[in-house]
Protein backbone atom coordinates (compact mmCIF):
# COMPACT_ATOMS: atom_id res chain seq x y z
CA MET A 1 22.26 -8.03 2.64
CA ALA A 2 20.81 -6.19 5.49
CA PHE A 3 17.50 -7.92 4.89
CA ASN A 4 18.96 -11.37 5.47
CA GLY A 5 17.65 -13.25 8.45
CA THR A 6 14.41 -14.34 10.07
CA TRP A 7 11.82 -11.67 11.00
CA LYS A 8 8.72 -12.16 13.19
CA VAL A 9 5.83 -9.76 13.11
CA ASP A 10 5.75 -7.58 16.18
CA ARG A 11 2.92 -5.08 15.50
CA ASN A 12 0.73 -3.59 12.79
CA GLU A 13 -0.57 -0.19 11.94
CA ASN A 14 -3.87 0.19 10.00
CA TYR A 15 -3.54 -3.40 8.76
CA GLU A 16 -7.26 -4.27 9.07
CA LYS A 17 -8.18 -1.09 7.14
CA PHE A 18 -5.77 -2.10 4.38
CA MET A 19 -7.17 -5.63 4.16
CA GLU A 20 -10.69 -4.12 3.98
CA ALA A 21 -9.65 -1.94 1.08
CA LEU A 22 -8.33 -5.09 -0.63
CA GLY A 23 -11.77 -6.69 -0.25
CA VAL A 24 -10.82 -9.18 2.43
CA GLY A 25 -13.85 -10.35 4.47
CA MET A 26 -14.21 -9.47 8.16
CA MET A 27 -13.39 -12.94 9.49
CA LYS A 28 -10.22 -13.17 7.42
CA ARG A 29 -9.23 -9.64 8.42
CA LYS A 30 -9.58 -10.45 12.16
CA LEU A 31 -7.50 -13.62 11.68
CA GLY A 32 -4.98 -11.91 9.40
CA ALA A 33 -4.30 -9.29 12.05
CA HIS A 34 -2.98 -12.08 14.26
CA ASP A 35 -1.30 -14.37 11.66
CA ASN A 36 2.09 -14.57 13.56
CA LEU A 37 3.80 -14.14 10.25
CA LYS A 38 7.52 -15.05 10.16
CA ILE A 39 9.57 -14.07 7.14
CA THR A 40 13.00 -15.53 6.32
CA ILE A 41 14.93 -13.52 3.68
CA GLN A 42 18.07 -14.68 1.94
CA GLN A 43 19.65 -12.30 -0.58
CA ASN A 44 22.35 -13.33 -3.00
CA GLY A 45 23.19 -10.32 -5.24
CA ASP A 46 20.02 -9.38 -6.99
CA LYS A 47 18.27 -12.70 -6.23
CA PHE A 48 16.06 -13.14 -3.15
CA ASN A 49 14.60 -16.23 -1.55
CA VAL A 50 11.77 -15.41 0.88
CA LYS A 51 9.91 -17.92 3.03
CA GLU A 52 6.66 -16.80 4.66
CA VAL A 53 5.30 -18.90 7.55
CA SER A 54 2.01 -17.94 9.23
CA ASN A 55 -0.98 -19.48 10.85
CA PHE A 56 -2.58 -19.73 7.39
CA ARG A 57 0.07 -20.89 4.89
CA ASN A 58 3.74 -21.53 4.33
CA ILE A 59 5.12 -20.39 0.99
CA GLU A 60 8.47 -19.84 -0.63
CA ILE A 61 9.08 -17.14 -3.14
CA GLU A 62 12.13 -16.64 -5.34
CA PHE A 63 12.58 -13.49 -7.32
CA THR A 64 15.22 -11.38 -9.04
CA LEU A 65 15.14 -7.60 -8.69
CA GLY A 66 13.48 -5.92 -11.59
CA VAL A 67 11.96 -9.17 -12.97
CA ASN A 68 8.16 -9.57 -12.91
CA PHE A 69 6.75 -12.61 -11.14
CA ASP A 70 3.30 -13.83 -10.04
CA TYR A 71 2.30 -13.83 -6.36
CA SER A 72 -0.86 -14.58 -4.46
CA LEU A 73 -1.91 -13.02 -1.15
CA ALA A 74 -3.05 -15.23 1.76
CA ASP A 75 -6.71 -14.55 0.74
CA GLY A 76 -6.03 -15.87 -2.76
CA THR A 77 -5.79 -12.48 -4.55
CA GLU A 78 -3.49 -12.96 -7.56
CA LEU A 79 -0.81 -10.31 -8.32
CA SER A 80 1.97 -9.74 -10.79
CA GLY A 81 4.84 -7.36 -10.31
CA ALA A 82 8.53 -6.86 -9.39
CA TRP A 83 10.68 -5.74 -6.54
CA THR A 84 13.47 -3.24 -7.14
CA LEU A 85 16.10 -1.76 -4.85
CA GLU A 86 15.97 2.00 -4.32
CA GLY A 87 18.79 2.97 -1.99
CA ASN A 88 18.31 0.76 1.05
CA LYS A 89 14.62 0.07 0.35
CA LEU A 90 13.02 -2.81 -1.49
CA VAL A 91 10.19 -1.24 -3.48
CA ALA A 92 7.44 -3.08 -5.40
CA ALA A 93 4.38 -2.43 -7.48
CA PHE A 94 2.06 -5.39 -7.90
CA THR A 95 -0.95 -5.32 -10.26
CA ARG A 96 -4.02 -7.29 -9.25
CA LYS A 97 -5.03 -9.73 -11.96
CA ASP A 98 -8.74 -9.43 -11.18
CA ASN A 99 -9.15 -5.61 -11.39
CA GLY A 100 -5.83 -4.12 -12.65
CA LYS A 101 -5.44 -1.99 -9.43
CA VAL A 102 -1.94 -1.53 -8.02
CA LEU A 103 -0.68 -2.55 -4.62
CA LYS A 104 2.55 -0.82 -3.64
CA ALA A 105 4.88 -2.24 -1.06
CA THR A 106 8.25 -1.35 0.49
CA ARG A 107 10.55 -3.21 2.86
CA GLU A 108 13.25 -1.30 4.77
CA ILE A 109 15.37 -1.72 7.89
CA VAL A 110 14.68 1.01 10.40
CA GLY A 111 16.83 0.72 13.53
CA ASP A 112 16.54 -2.97 14.49
CA GLU A 113 13.21 -3.58 12.72
CA LEU A 114 12.08 -4.60 9.28
CA VAL A 115 9.20 -2.28 8.22
CA GLN A 116 6.86 -3.34 5.49
CA THR A 117 4.62 -0.66 4.17
CA TYR A 118 1.67 -1.38 1.87
CA VAL A 119 -0.47 1.13 -0.03
CA TYR A 120 -3.67 0.19 -1.85
CA GLU A 121 -6.40 2.55 -2.99
CA GLY A 122 -5.04 5.35 -0.81
CA VAL A 123 -4.98 3.15 2.36
CA GLU A 124 -1.52 2.75 3.94
CA SER A 125 -0.55 0.07 6.42
CA LYS A 126 2.67 -0.89 8.12
CA ARG A 127 3.85 -4.16 9.66
CA PHE A 128 6.86 -4.10 11.94
CA PHE A 129 9.07 -7.13 12.31
CA LYS A 130 11.85 -8.02 14.86
CA ARG A 131 14.67 -10.39 14.26
CA GLY A 132 13.99 -13.80 15.66
C-alpha cells in the first residue's frame, strides 16, 4: 500500500538515452523529457489502478499482479507483460509486440520518493517522483 497516492515527476536520469534506445524520435524525446507526468496509484490487495496524466495523454490502467496485460507507451509502442511484487518493489518485464525485445521496469519507494527504473537494450534510466 506504500505506493498509494499521487506522484509527480521531479527529475530524470538518462531518460533521453533510454527513449533513444526505444527508437523514439528526437522531437518526442525532447518533449518526453518534460512531460510533467503525474501518476496516481491505488492498490487493493494484488489489484492496482494506475492513472497517468501528462502533457501528451491521460490513461488509466488496471492490472493484477502476475497477470499479463497489454500496454502502449506514449509514443505508441505496444507492449505485453505483467507486474509482480518482489519484496517492496514492483517489478515488470514487458515484451515489445513489434520486435520481441524486453523492457524491464521497477517501481520502489526510496525515502520519500517513488523511483521508476527502466532498462531496455542495456540502457538504464530512472525517473524520480515526489508525492503531490
